[in-house]
Amino acid sequence: MKNCCENKAAELKILRESQLGVLKTVLWINAIMFVIEIVTGTLSHSTALSADSLDMLGDATVYGFSIYAIHKGHSWKIKAARLKGFIMALFGIGVMAGALERMISGTIPIAETMGIVGVVALAANLVCLMLLWRHRADDINMRSTWTCSRNDIIANAGVLVASALVKTTHSGWPDFAVGTVIAVIFSTSAVGVLRDAGLPKQATDSTI
């Protein structure tokens, strides 16, 4: 029995160390990409790139909280997941506000910049998704983190589509549309993460 417990403790320690290494890596990737996208998004007047940069910033923040929650108990992981949900919802609102402002001003973004940066961001997020893939079912903390990374791929694909349509149509509407879609994805995922974070409490209440 003692050996069994010791083995379990050793396995748990290895798992947490593995999770920590992955989260630190994806945190830095997202932090660097946030700087790149916020600068290029602003210079190219692209709602989609600006939205994706906020996505990167949100994910970097999320990964930071996930690192903090790794060595905490289950209740802390629930709190971290809820915080992630609120952050995702907040960024969704911010993206919608930015998209509306650019639509009203009628600014047409620079399609070439959108395309180049969009490809770089997609490559970065594919690396993050692959790193997080094997940890996605470890616990609620890693599951909600993987959900954030999955959404990034969808957002990056949207930026590339918007880039092609802006260049073809010479209109800012595709950029606005993609920014709106990214905001909807944020909001939907936020609801899912918050619902997932609430499940343990509901399950506990049902057993009392």
N, C-alpha and C. Protein backbone atom coordinates (compact mmCIF):
# COMPACT_ATOMS: atom_id res chain seq x y z
N MET A 1 0.84 -1.21 0.00
CA MET A 1 0.00 0.00 0.00
C MET A 1 0.87 1.25 0.00
N LYS A 2 1.94 1.24 0.83
CA LYS A 2 2.82 2.39 0.91
C LYS A 2 3.52 2.64 -0.42
N ASN A 3 3.98 1.55 -1.06
CA ASN A 3 4.65 1.69 -2.36
C ASN A 3 3.71 2.23 -3.42
N CYS A 4 2.46 1.79 -3.32
CA CYS A 4 1.45 2.24 -4.28
C CYS A 4 1.24 3.75 -4.15
N CYS A 5 1.11 4.22 -2.92
CA CYS A 5 0.91 5.65 -2.67
C CYS A 5 2.12 6.46 -3.12
N GLU A 6 3.31 5.91 -2.85
CA GLU A 6 4.52 6.61 -3.26
C GLU A 6 4.62 6.71 -4.78
N ASN A 7 4.22 5.62 -5.46
CA ASN A 7 4.24 5.62 -6.93
C ASN A 7 3.27 6.65 -7.48
N LYS A 8 2.07 6.70 -6.87
CA LYS A 8 1.06 7.67 -7.31
C LYS A 8 1.56 9.10 -7.11
N ALA A 9 2.21 9.34 -5.99
CA ALA A 9 2.73 10.68 -5.70
C ALA A 9 3.81 11.06 -6.70
N ALA A 10 4.65 10.08 -7.04
CA ALA A 10 5.72 10.34 -8.01
C ALA A 10 5.14 10.62 -9.39
N GLU A 11 4.10 9.86 -9.77
CA GLU A 11 3.44 10.07 -11.07
C GLU A 11 2.79 11.44 -11.13
N LEU A 12 2.16 11.84 -10.02
CA LEU A 12 1.51 13.15 -9.97
C LEU A 12 2.53 14.28 -10.09
N LYS A 13 3.67 14.10 -9.44
CA LYS A 13 4.73 15.11 -9.50
C LYS A 13 5.25 15.25 -10.93
N ILE A 14 5.45 14.12 -11.60
CA ILE A 14 5.93 14.14 -12.99
C ILE A 14 4.90 14.82 -13.90
N LEU A 15 3.61 14.52 -13.67
CA LEU A 15 2.54 15.11 -14.47
C LEU A 15 2.52 16.62 -14.31
N ARG A 16 2.62 17.08 -13.06
CA ARG A 16 2.59 18.52 -12.81
C ARG A 16 3.79 19.23 -13.41
N GLU A 17 4.94 18.59 -13.34
CA GLU A 17 6.15 19.18 -13.93
C GLU A 17 6.01 19.27 -15.44
N SER A 18 5.40 18.24 -16.04
CA SER A 18 5.18 18.24 -17.48
C SER A 18 4.20 19.35 -17.87
N GLN A 19 3.11 19.48 -17.10
CA GLN A 19 2.14 20.52 -17.35
C GLN A 19 2.78 21.91 -17.23
N LEU A 20 3.60 22.08 -16.22
CA LEU A 20 4.24 23.37 -15.97
C LEU A 20 5.15 23.77 -17.13
N GLY A 21 5.93 22.81 -17.62
CA GLY A 21 6.83 23.08 -18.74
C GLY A 21 6.08 23.49 -19.99
N VAL A 22 4.99 22.80 -20.27
CA VAL A 22 4.17 23.11 -21.45
C VAL A 22 3.54 24.48 -21.32
N LEU A 23 2.97 24.77 -20.17
CA LEU A 23 2.29 26.05 -19.97
C LEU A 23 3.25 27.23 -20.06
N LYS A 24 4.46 27.07 -19.55
CA LYS A 24 5.45 28.15 -19.65
C LYS A 24 5.81 28.42 -21.11
N THR A 25 5.94 27.34 -21.88
CA THR A 25 6.29 27.49 -23.30
C THR A 25 5.19 28.21 -24.06
N VAL A 26 3.94 27.76 -23.89
CA VAL A 26 2.84 28.38 -24.64
C VAL A 26 2.56 29.81 -24.15
N LEU A 27 2.85 30.08 -22.88
CA LEU A 27 2.70 31.44 -22.36
C LEU A 27 3.62 32.40 -23.11
N TRP A 28 4.88 32.02 -23.26
CA TRP A 28 5.85 32.89 -23.94
C TRP A 28 5.50 33.05 -25.42
N ILE A 29 5.06 31.98 -26.04
CA ILE A 29 4.66 32.07 -27.46
C ILE A 29 3.54 33.07 -27.63
N ASN A 30 2.53 32.98 -26.76
CA ASN A 30 1.39 33.90 -26.87
C ASN A 30 1.76 35.33 -26.51
N ALA A 31 2.64 35.52 -25.55
CA ALA A 31 3.06 36.87 -25.16
C ALA A 31 3.79 37.56 -26.31
N ILE A 32 4.68 36.82 -26.97
CA ILE A 32 5.42 37.38 -28.10
C ILE A 32 4.49 37.69 -29.26
N MET A 33 3.56 36.76 -29.54
CA MET A 33 2.64 36.98 -30.66
C MET A 33 1.68 38.12 -30.37
N PHE A 34 1.35 38.35 -29.10
CA PHE A 34 0.49 39.49 -28.76
C PHE A 34 1.15 40.79 -29.18
N VAL A 35 2.43 40.95 -28.86
CA VAL A 35 3.16 42.17 -29.21
C VAL A 35 3.20 42.35 -30.73
N ILE A 36 3.50 41.26 -31.44
CA ILE A 36 3.58 41.33 -32.90
C ILE A 36 2.23 41.72 -33.50
N GLU A 37 1.15 41.08 -33.03
CA GLU A 37 -0.16 41.32 -33.64
C GLU A 37 -0.77 42.66 -33.24
N ILE A 38 -0.54 43.12 -32.03
CA ILE A 38 -1.13 44.40 -31.62
C ILE A 38 -0.48 45.54 -32.40
N VAL A 39 0.83 45.42 -32.64
CA VAL A 39 1.54 46.45 -33.41
C VAL A 39 1.11 46.43 -34.87
N THR A 40 1.15 45.25 -35.49
CA THR A 40 0.79 45.16 -36.91
C THR A 40 -0.71 45.39 -37.13
N GLY A 41 -1.53 44.97 -36.17
CA GLY A 41 -2.97 45.20 -36.29
C GLY A 41 -3.30 46.67 -36.25
N THR A 42 -2.62 47.40 -35.39
CA THR A 42 -2.84 48.84 -35.29
C THR A 42 -2.34 49.56 -36.54
N LEU A 43 -1.15 49.20 -37.01
CA LEU A 43 -0.57 49.85 -38.18
C LEU A 43 -1.34 49.54 -39.46
N SER A 44 -1.91 48.33 -39.54
CA SER A 44 -2.64 47.94 -40.76
C SER A 44 -4.14 48.21 -40.65
N HIS A 45 -4.58 48.76 -39.51
CA HIS A 45 -6.01 49.08 -39.28
C HIS A 45 -6.91 47.84 -39.39
N SER A 46 -6.40 46.71 -38.90
CA SER A 46 -7.15 45.46 -39.02
C SER A 46 -7.84 45.07 -37.71
N THR A 47 -9.17 44.99 -37.78
CA THR A 47 -9.94 44.53 -36.62
C THR A 47 -9.62 43.07 -36.30
N ALA A 48 -9.48 42.25 -37.35
CA ALA A 48 -9.22 40.83 -37.15
C ALA A 48 -7.88 40.59 -36.45
N LEU A 49 -6.83 41.30 -36.90
CA LEU A 49 -5.52 41.15 -36.26
C LEU A 49 -5.54 41.67 -34.83
N SER A 50 -6.19 42.82 -34.63
CA SER A 50 -6.29 43.37 -33.28
C SER A 50 -7.04 42.42 -32.36
N ALA A 51 -8.10 41.82 -32.90
CA ALA A 51 -8.88 40.85 -32.12
C ALA A 51 -8.02 39.65 -31.77
N ASP A 52 -7.25 39.18 -32.74
CA ASP A 52 -6.39 38.02 -32.49
C ASP A 52 -5.29 38.36 -31.50
N SER A 53 -4.82 39.62 -31.51
CA SER A 53 -3.79 40.01 -30.54
C SER A 53 -4.35 39.99 -29.13
N LEU A 54 -5.60 40.44 -28.98
CA LEU A 54 -6.24 40.38 -27.67
C LEU A 54 -6.44 38.93 -27.24
N ASP A 55 -6.69 38.07 -28.23
CA ASP A 55 -6.81 36.64 -27.96
C ASP A 55 -5.50 36.12 -27.39
N MET A 56 -4.39 36.54 -28.01
CA MET A 56 -3.06 36.12 -27.53
C MET A 56 -2.80 36.62 -26.11
N LEU A 57 -3.14 37.87 -25.87
CA LEU A 57 -2.96 38.43 -24.53
C LEU A 57 -3.81 37.70 -23.51
N GLY A 58 -5.05 37.44 -23.88
CA GLY A 58 -5.95 36.71 -22.99
C GLY A 58 -5.42 35.33 -22.68
N ASP A 59 -4.90 34.65 -23.71
CA ASP A 59 -4.36 33.31 -23.50
C ASP A 59 -3.11 33.33 -22.62
N ALA A 60 -2.25 34.33 -22.84
CA ALA A 60 -1.05 34.45 -22.00
C ALA A 60 -1.45 34.62 -20.54
N THR A 61 -2.48 35.43 -20.32
CA THR A 61 -2.99 35.63 -18.95
C THR A 61 -3.57 34.34 -18.40
N VAL A 62 -4.33 33.66 -19.26
CA VAL A 62 -4.94 32.38 -18.87
C VAL A 62 -3.87 31.36 -18.50
N TYR A 63 -2.82 31.27 -19.31
CA TYR A 63 -1.76 30.31 -19.03
C TYR A 63 -1.04 30.66 -17.74
N GLY A 64 -0.91 31.96 -17.46
CA GLY A 64 -0.30 32.38 -16.21
C GLY A 64 -1.10 31.89 -15.01
N PHE A 65 -2.42 32.05 -15.08
CA PHE A 65 -3.28 31.57 -14.00
C PHE A 65 -3.25 30.04 -13.92
N SER A 66 -3.13 29.39 -15.07
CA SER A 66 -3.07 27.92 -15.08
C SER A 66 -1.81 27.43 -14.40
N ILE A 67 -0.68 28.12 -14.63
CA ILE A 67 0.58 27.76 -13.97
C ILE A 67 0.42 27.89 -12.46
N TYR A 68 -0.24 28.98 -12.04
CA TYR A 68 -0.46 29.21 -10.61
C TYR A 68 -1.33 28.11 -10.01
N ALA A 69 -2.31 27.63 -10.79
CA ALA A 69 -3.28 26.66 -10.26
C ALA A 69 -2.76 25.23 -10.24
N ILE A 70 -1.67 24.95 -10.95
CA ILE A 70 -1.18 23.57 -11.06
C ILE A 70 -0.92 22.94 -9.70
N HIS A 71 -0.27 23.67 -8.80
CA HIS A 71 0.10 23.11 -7.50
C HIS A 71 -0.94 23.41 -6.43
N LYS A 72 -2.09 23.90 -6.85
CA LYS A 72 -3.17 24.16 -5.91
C LYS A 72 -4.17 23.00 -5.90
N GLY A 73 -5.09 23.05 -4.96
CA GLY A 73 -6.11 22.01 -4.87
C GLY A 73 -7.18 22.19 -5.94
N HIS A 74 -8.13 21.28 -5.94
CA HIS A 74 -9.18 21.28 -6.97
C HIS A 74 -10.00 22.56 -6.92
N SER A 75 -10.25 23.09 -5.74
CA SER A 75 -11.05 24.31 -5.62
C SER A 75 -10.36 25.50 -6.29
N TRP A 76 -9.02 25.54 -6.21
CA TRP A 76 -8.28 26.61 -6.86
C TRP A 76 -8.34 26.46 -8.37
N LYS A 77 -8.33 25.22 -8.85
CA LYS A 77 -8.43 24.99 -10.29
C LYS A 77 -9.79 25.42 -10.81
N ILE A 78 -10.83 25.22 -10.00
CA ILE A 78 -12.17 25.67 -10.38
C ILE A 78 -12.19 27.20 -10.47
N LYS A 79 -11.58 27.85 -9.48
CA LYS A 79 -11.53 29.32 -9.49
C LYS A 79 -10.75 29.83 -10.69
N ALA A 80 -9.65 29.17 -11.03
CA ALA A 80 -8.84 29.59 -12.17
C ALA A 80 -9.62 29.44 -13.47
N ALA A 81 -10.37 28.34 -13.59
CA ALA A 81 -11.18 28.12 -14.79
C ALA A 81 -12.27 29.18 -14.91
N ARG A 82 -12.89 29.54 -13.79
CA ARG A 82 -13.91 30.58 -13.82
C ARG A 82 -13.32 31.92 -14.25
N LEU A 83 -12.12 32.21 -13.74
CA LEU A 83 -11.46 33.46 -14.09
C LEU A 83 -11.15 33.50 -15.58
N LYS A 84 -10.72 32.35 -16.12
CA LYS A 84 -10.47 32.26 -17.56
C LYS A 84 -11.74 32.59 -18.34
N GLY A 85 -12.87 32.04 -17.87
CA GLY A 85 -14.14 32.28 -18.54
C GLY A 85 -14.49 33.76 -18.56
N PHE A 86 -14.31 34.43 -17.44
CA PHE A 86 -14.61 35.86 -17.36
C PHE A 86 -13.67 36.67 -18.27
N ILE A 87 -12.40 36.28 -18.32
CA ILE A 87 -11.44 36.98 -19.18
C ILE A 87 -11.83 36.83 -20.64
N MET A 88 -12.20 35.62 -21.05
CA MET A 88 -12.61 35.37 -22.43
C MET A 88 -13.84 36.20 -22.79
N ALA A 89 -14.79 36.30 -21.85
CA ALA A 89 -15.99 37.10 -22.10
C ALA A 89 -15.65 38.58 -22.24
N LEU A 90 -14.74 39.05 -21.40
CA LEU A 90 -14.34 40.46 -21.42
C LEU A 90 -13.68 40.81 -22.75
N PHE A 91 -12.79 39.94 -23.24
CA PHE A 91 -12.14 40.20 -24.51
C PHE A 91 -13.14 40.14 -25.67
N GLY A 92 -14.14 39.30 -25.55
CA GLY A 92 -15.17 39.24 -26.58
C GLY A 92 -15.87 40.58 -26.72
N ILE A 93 -16.18 41.21 -25.59
CA ILE A 93 -16.82 42.52 -25.60
C ILE A 93 -15.88 43.57 -26.20
N GLY A 94 -14.60 43.50 -25.83
CA GLY A 94 -13.62 44.45 -26.35
C GLY A 94 -13.46 44.35 -27.86
N VAL A 95 -13.46 43.12 -28.38
CA VAL A 95 -13.33 42.92 -29.82
C VAL A 95 -14.54 43.51 -30.55
N MET A 96 -15.73 43.29 -30.01
CA MET A 96 -16.93 43.83 -30.63
C MET A 96 -16.90 45.35 -30.69
N ALA A 97 -16.42 45.99 -29.63
CA ALA A 97 -16.34 47.44 -29.59
C ALA A 97 -15.36 47.95 -30.64
N GLY A 98 -14.21 47.30 -30.77
CA GLY A 98 -13.22 47.71 -31.76
C GLY A 98 -13.71 47.52 -33.18
N ALA A 99 -14.40 46.40 -33.41
CA ALA A 99 -14.93 46.12 -34.75
C ALA A 99 -15.97 47.16 -35.15
N LEU A 100 -16.81 47.54 -34.22
CA LEU A 100 -17.85 48.54 -34.49
C LEU A 100 -17.24 49.89 -34.83
N GLU A 101 -16.20 50.26 -34.09
CA GLU A 101 -15.54 51.55 -34.32
C GLU A 101 -14.93 51.62 -35.72
N ARG A 102 -14.28 50.53 -36.15
CA ARG A 102 -13.66 50.53 -37.48
C ARG A 102 -14.71 50.48 -38.59
N MET A 103 -15.83 49.81 -38.32
CA MET A 103 -16.90 49.76 -39.31
C MET A 103 -17.46 51.15 -39.55
N ILE A 104 -17.67 51.89 -38.47
CA ILE A 104 -18.22 53.24 -38.57
C ILE A 104 -17.26 54.18 -39.30
N SER A 105 -15.96 54.04 -39.03
CA SER A 105 -14.96 54.91 -39.66
C SER A 105 -14.72 54.56 -41.12
N GLY A 106 -15.07 53.31 -41.51
CA GLY A 106 -14.91 52.89 -42.91
C GLY A 106 -13.47 52.63 -43.31
N THR A 107 -12.62 52.36 -42.35
CA THR A 107 -11.20 52.11 -42.64
C THR A 107 -11.01 50.75 -43.30
N ILE A 108 -10.22 50.72 -44.37
CA ILE A 108 -9.90 49.46 -45.06
C ILE A 108 -8.52 48.99 -44.62
N PRO A 109 -8.41 47.81 -44.04
CA PRO A 109 -7.12 47.32 -43.54
C PRO A 109 -6.17 46.92 -44.68
N ILE A 110 -4.89 46.76 -44.33
CA ILE A 110 -3.88 46.34 -45.31
C ILE A 110 -3.88 44.81 -45.37
N ALA A 111 -4.39 44.27 -46.47
CA ALA A 111 -4.59 42.83 -46.60
C ALA A 111 -3.29 42.05 -46.54
N GLU A 112 -2.22 42.58 -47.15
CA GLU A 112 -0.95 41.86 -47.18
C GLU A 112 -0.39 41.65 -45.77
N THR A 113 -0.47 42.69 -44.96
CA THR A 113 0.01 42.58 -43.57
C THR A 113 -0.82 41.56 -42.80
N MET A 114 -2.14 41.61 -43.00
CA MET A 114 -3.03 40.65 -42.34
C MET A 114 -2.65 39.22 -42.70
N GLY A 115 -2.37 38.98 -43.98
CA GLY A 115 -2.05 37.63 -44.43
C GLY A 115 -0.75 37.10 -43.86
N ILE A 116 0.30 37.92 -43.92
CA ILE A 116 1.61 37.49 -43.44
C ILE A 116 1.59 37.21 -41.93
N VAL A 117 1.05 38.16 -41.18
CA VAL A 117 1.00 37.98 -39.72
C VAL A 117 0.05 36.86 -39.34
N GLY A 118 -1.03 36.71 -40.11
CA GLY A 118 -1.98 35.63 -39.86
C GLY A 118 -1.35 34.26 -39.99
N VAL A 119 -0.48 34.09 -40.98
CA VAL A 119 0.22 32.81 -41.17
C VAL A 119 1.16 32.53 -40.01
N VAL A 120 1.90 33.56 -39.59
CA VAL A 120 2.82 33.40 -38.45
C VAL A 120 2.06 33.03 -37.18
N ALA A 121 0.93 33.71 -36.96
CA ALA A 121 0.12 33.44 -35.76
C ALA A 121 -0.46 32.02 -35.80
N LEU A 122 -0.89 31.58 -36.98
CA LEU A 122 -1.43 30.23 -37.12
C LEU A 122 -0.37 29.19 -36.80
N ALA A 123 0.84 29.39 -37.30
CA ALA A 123 1.93 28.45 -37.02
C ALA A 123 2.23 28.40 -35.52
N ALA A 124 2.25 29.58 -34.89
CA ALA A 124 2.53 29.64 -33.45
C ALA A 124 1.47 28.91 -32.65
N ASN A 125 0.21 29.09 -33.03
CA ASN A 125 -0.88 28.46 -32.28
C ASN A 125 -0.98 26.96 -32.56
N LEU A 126 -0.57 26.53 -33.73
CA LEU A 126 -0.54 25.08 -33.99
C LEU A 126 0.49 24.41 -33.08
N VAL A 127 1.61 25.08 -32.87
CA VAL A 127 2.63 24.56 -31.95
C VAL A 127 2.05 24.45 -30.54
N CYS A 128 1.34 25.51 -30.11
CA CYS A 128 0.73 25.50 -28.77
C CYS A 128 -0.29 24.38 -28.64
N LEU A 129 -1.12 24.21 -29.67
CA LEU A 129 -2.16 23.17 -29.62
C LEU A 129 -1.55 21.79 -29.51
N MET A 130 -0.48 21.54 -30.26
CA MET A 130 0.18 20.23 -30.20
C MET A 130 0.80 19.99 -28.82
N LEU A 131 1.37 21.03 -28.24
CA LEU A 131 1.97 20.89 -26.91
C LEU A 131 0.92 20.58 -25.84
N LEU A 132 -0.25 21.20 -25.98
CA LEU A 132 -1.31 21.04 -24.98
C LEU A 132 -2.17 19.80 -25.21
N TRP A 133 -2.10 19.20 -26.38
CA TRP A 133 -3.00 18.12 -26.77
C TRP A 133 -3.00 16.96 -25.76
N ARG A 134 -1.83 16.50 -25.38
CA ARG A 134 -1.78 15.31 -24.51
C ARG A 134 -2.17 15.62 -23.07
N HIS A 135 -2.33 16.90 -22.73
CA HIS A 135 -2.71 17.26 -21.37
C HIS A 135 -4.18 17.72 -21.29
N ARG A 136 -4.89 17.68 -22.41
CA ARG A 136 -6.22 18.28 -22.45
C ARG A 136 -7.22 17.61 -21.53
N ALA A 137 -7.00 16.34 -21.17
CA ALA A 137 -7.93 15.60 -20.32
C ALA A 137 -7.41 15.40 -18.90
N ASP A 138 -6.29 16.08 -18.56
CA ASP A 138 -5.68 15.87 -17.23
C ASP A 138 -6.61 16.32 -16.12
N ASP A 139 -7.13 17.56 -16.23
CA ASP A 139 -8.04 18.10 -15.23
C ASP A 139 -8.74 19.32 -15.82
N ILE A 140 -9.62 19.96 -15.05
CA ILE A 140 -10.39 21.09 -15.56
C ILE A 140 -9.48 22.25 -15.93
N ASN A 141 -8.38 22.41 -15.20
CA ASN A 141 -7.44 23.49 -15.48
C ASN A 141 -6.84 23.34 -16.88
N MET A 142 -6.32 22.17 -17.20
CA MET A 142 -5.70 21.94 -18.50
C MET A 142 -6.74 21.84 -19.60
N ARG A 143 -7.94 21.34 -19.28
CA ARG A 143 -8.99 21.23 -20.29
C ARG A 143 -9.44 22.61 -20.77
N SER A 144 -9.62 23.55 -19.83
CA SER A 144 -10.03 24.90 -20.21
C SER A 144 -8.91 25.62 -20.95
N THR A 145 -7.66 25.30 -20.60
CA THR A 145 -6.51 25.88 -21.29
C THR A 145 -6.44 25.40 -22.73
N TRP A 146 -6.69 24.11 -22.93
CA TRP A 146 -6.68 23.55 -24.28
C TRP A 146 -7.80 24.15 -25.12
N THR A 147 -8.95 24.40 -24.49
CA THR A 147 -10.07 25.03 -25.19
C THR A 147 -9.67 26.40 -25.74
N CYS A 148 -8.94 27.17 -24.95
CA CYS A 148 -8.46 28.49 -25.39
C CYS A 148 -7.57 28.34 -26.62
N SER A 149 -6.67 27.36 -26.59
CA SER A 149 -5.74 27.15 -27.70
C SER A 149 -6.47 26.71 -28.96
N ARG A 150 -7.48 25.88 -28.80
CA ARG A 150 -8.26 25.43 -29.96
C ARG A 150 -8.96 26.60 -30.63
N ASN A 151 -9.49 27.50 -29.83
CA ASN A 151 -10.16 28.68 -30.38
C ASN A 151 -9.20 29.57 -31.16
N ASP A 152 -7.94 29.58 -30.75
CA ASP A 152 -6.94 30.38 -31.44
C ASP A 152 -6.80 29.95 -32.90
N ILE A 153 -6.82 28.65 -33.15
CA ILE A 153 -6.69 28.13 -34.51
C ILE A 153 -7.85 28.63 -35.37
N ILE A 154 -9.05 28.60 -34.81
CA ILE A 154 -10.23 29.08 -35.53
C ILE A 154 -10.09 30.56 -35.86
N ALA A 155 -9.63 31.34 -34.87
CA ALA A 155 -9.46 32.77 -35.07
C ALA A 155 -8.40 33.06 -36.14
N ASN A 156 -7.29 32.31 -36.11
CA ASN A 156 -6.23 32.51 -37.11
C ASN A 156 -6.72 32.22 -38.51
N ALA A 157 -7.48 31.14 -38.66
CA ALA A 157 -8.04 30.80 -39.97
C ALA A 157 -8.95 31.93 -40.46
N GLY A 158 -9.70 32.51 -39.53
CA GLY A 158 -10.59 33.61 -39.87
C GLY A 158 -9.82 34.83 -40.36
N VAL A 159 -8.68 35.11 -39.74
CA VAL A 159 -7.85 36.25 -40.15
C VAL A 159 -7.36 36.05 -41.58
N LEU A 160 -6.96 34.83 -41.92
CA LEU A 160 -6.47 34.55 -43.27
C LEU A 160 -7.58 34.68 -44.30
N VAL A 161 -8.78 34.21 -43.95
CA VAL A 161 -9.92 34.35 -44.85
C VAL A 161 -10.26 35.82 -45.05
N ALA A 162 -10.25 36.58 -43.96
CA ALA A 162 -10.54 38.01 -44.04
C ALA A 162 -9.52 38.73 -44.91
N SER A 163 -8.26 38.35 -44.77
CA SER A 163 -7.19 38.95 -45.56
C SER A 163 -7.44 38.77 -47.05
N ALA A 164 -7.79 37.55 -47.43
CA ALA A 164 -8.04 37.26 -48.85
C ALA A 164 -9.25 38.02 -49.37
N LEU A 165 -10.30 38.10 -48.56
CA LEU A 165 -11.53 38.79 -48.98
C LEU A 165 -11.34 40.30 -49.05
N VAL A 166 -10.57 40.86 -48.10
CA VAL A 166 -10.30 42.30 -48.13
C VAL A 166 -9.54 42.66 -49.40
N LYS A 167 -8.55 41.84 -49.76
CA LYS A 167 -7.75 42.10 -50.97
C LYS A 167 -8.61 41.96 -52.23
N THR A 168 -9.54 41.00 -52.20
CA THR A 168 -10.37 40.76 -53.39
C THR A 168 -11.47 41.81 -53.56
N THR A 169 -12.09 42.17 -52.45
CA THR A 169 -13.24 43.08 -52.51
C THR A 169 -12.89 44.55 -52.32
N HIS A 170 -11.65 44.81 -51.81
CA HIS A 170 -11.24 46.18 -51.50
C HIS A 170 -12.22 46.84 -50.52
N SER A 171 -12.66 46.03 -49.57
CA SER A 171 -13.62 46.49 -48.57
C SER A 171 -13.18 46.06 -47.18
N GLY A 172 -13.58 46.83 -46.17
CA GLY A 172 -13.24 46.49 -44.80
C GLY A 172 -14.26 45.58 -44.14
N TRP A 173 -15.34 45.28 -44.86
CA TRP A 173 -16.40 44.45 -44.27
C TRP A 173 -15.96 43.04 -43.88
N PRO A 174 -15.15 42.35 -44.71
CA PRO A 174 -14.69 41.02 -44.29
C PRO A 174 -13.92 41.06 -42.98
N ASP A 175 -13.11 42.10 -42.81
CA ASP A 175 -12.34 42.27 -41.58
C ASP A 175 -13.27 42.47 -40.39
N PHE A 176 -14.30 43.29 -40.59
CA PHE A 176 -15.29 43.51 -39.54
C PHE A 176 -16.03 42.22 -39.20
N ALA A 177 -16.39 41.46 -40.24
CA ALA A 177 -17.14 40.22 -40.03
C ALA A 177 -16.33 39.21 -39.23
N VAL A 178 -15.05 39.07 -39.58
CA VAL A 178 -14.19 38.12 -38.87
C VAL A 178 -13.99 38.56 -37.42
N GLY A 179 -13.81 39.86 -37.21
CA GLY A 179 -13.68 40.36 -35.84
C GLY A 179 -14.92 40.03 -35.01
N THR A 180 -16.08 40.14 -35.64
CA THR A 180 -17.34 39.83 -34.95
C THR A 180 -17.43 38.34 -34.63
N VAL A 181 -17.03 37.50 -35.60
CA VAL A 181 -17.06 36.05 -35.38
C VAL A 181 -16.13 35.65 -34.24
N ILE A 182 -14.93 36.24 -34.20
CA ILE A 182 -13.98 35.95 -33.12
C ILE A 182 -14.60 36.33 -31.77
N ALA A 183 -15.31 37.46 -31.74
CA ALA A 183 -15.96 37.89 -30.51
C ALA A 183 -17.03 36.88 -30.07
N VAL A 184 -17.78 36.36 -31.03
CA VAL A 184 -18.81 35.37 -30.73
C VAL A 184 -18.17 34.09 -30.19
N ILE A 185 -17.05 33.69 -30.80
CA ILE A 185 -16.33 32.49 -30.33
C ILE A 185 -15.86 32.69 -28.90
N PHE A 186 -15.31 33.88 -28.61
CA PHE A 186 -14.90 34.20 -27.24
C PHE A 186 -16.07 34.01 -26.27
N SER A 187 -17.19 34.60 -26.64
CA SER A 187 -18.36 34.59 -25.75
C SER A 187 -18.88 33.18 -25.53
N THR A 188 -18.98 32.41 -26.61
CA THR A 188 -19.47 31.03 -26.52
C THR A 188 -18.55 30.17 -25.67
N SER A 189 -17.24 30.30 -25.91
CA SER A 189 -16.27 29.52 -25.13
C SER A 189 -16.27 29.94 -23.67
N ALA A 190 -16.48 31.24 -23.42
CA ALA A 190 -16.53 31.72 -22.04
C ALA A 190 -17.68 31.06 -21.29
N VAL A 191 -18.82 30.96 -21.96
CA VAL A 191 -19.98 30.32 -21.34
C VAL A 191 -19.68 28.85 -21.05
N GLY A 192 -19.02 28.17 -22.03
CA GLY A 192 -18.68 26.76 -21.84
C GLY A 192 -17.71 26.54 -20.69
N VAL A 193 -16.68 27.38 -20.60
CA VAL A 193 -15.70 27.25 -19.52
C VAL A 193 -16.35 27.52 -18.17
N LEU A 194 -17.18 28.55 -18.10
CA LEU A 194 -17.86 28.87 -16.85
C LEU A 194 -18.82 27.76 -16.44
N ARG A 195 -19.50 27.17 -17.41
CA ARG A 195 -20.41 26.06 -17.12
C ARG A 195 -19.63 24.86 -16.61
N ASP A 196 -18.49 24.57 -17.28
CA ASP A 196 -17.63 23.46 -16.87
C ASP A 196 -17.10 23.67 -15.47
N ALA A 197 -16.73 24.90 -15.17
CA ALA A 197 -16.19 25.22 -13.84
C ALA A 197 -17.26 25.10 -12.77
N GLY A 198 -18.51 25.22 -13.15
CA GLY A 198 -19.60 25.14 -12.18
C GLY A 198 -20.06 23.73 -11.92
N LEU A 199 -19.65 22.75 -12.77
CA LEU A 199 -20.10 21.38 -12.64
C LEU A 199 -19.74 20.72 -11.32
N PRO A 200 -18.49 20.87 -10.84
CA PRO A 200 -18.14 20.22 -9.58
C PRO A 200 -19.01 20.68 -8.43
N LYS A 201 -19.32 22.00 -8.42
CA LYS A 201 -20.14 22.53 -7.33
C LYS A 201 -21.54 21.95 -7.41
N GLN A 202 -22.08 21.87 -8.66
CA GLN A 202 -23.42 21.32 -8.82
C GLN A 202 -23.45 19.86 -8.42
N ALA A 203 -22.39 19.14 -8.81
CA ALA A 203 -22.35 17.73 -8.45
C ALA A 203 -22.29 17.54 -6.95
N THR A 204 -21.51 18.45 -6.30
CA THR A 204 -21.40 18.37 -4.85
C THR A 204 -22.73 18.67 -4.18
N ASP A 205 -23.42 19.70 -4.69
CA ASP A 205 -24.71 20.06 -4.12
C ASP A 205 -25.71 18.93 -4.26
N SER A 206 -25.63 18.19 -5.38
CA SER A 206 -26.61 17.14 -5.62
C SER A 206 -26.40 15.94 -4.71
N THR A 207 -25.19 15.83 -4.16
CA THR A 207 -24.92 14.68 -3.31
C THR A 207 -25.19 14.97 -1.83
N ILE A 208 -25.47 16.27 -1.52
CA ILE A 208 -25.71 16.60 -0.11
C ILE A 208 -27.15 16.25 0.27
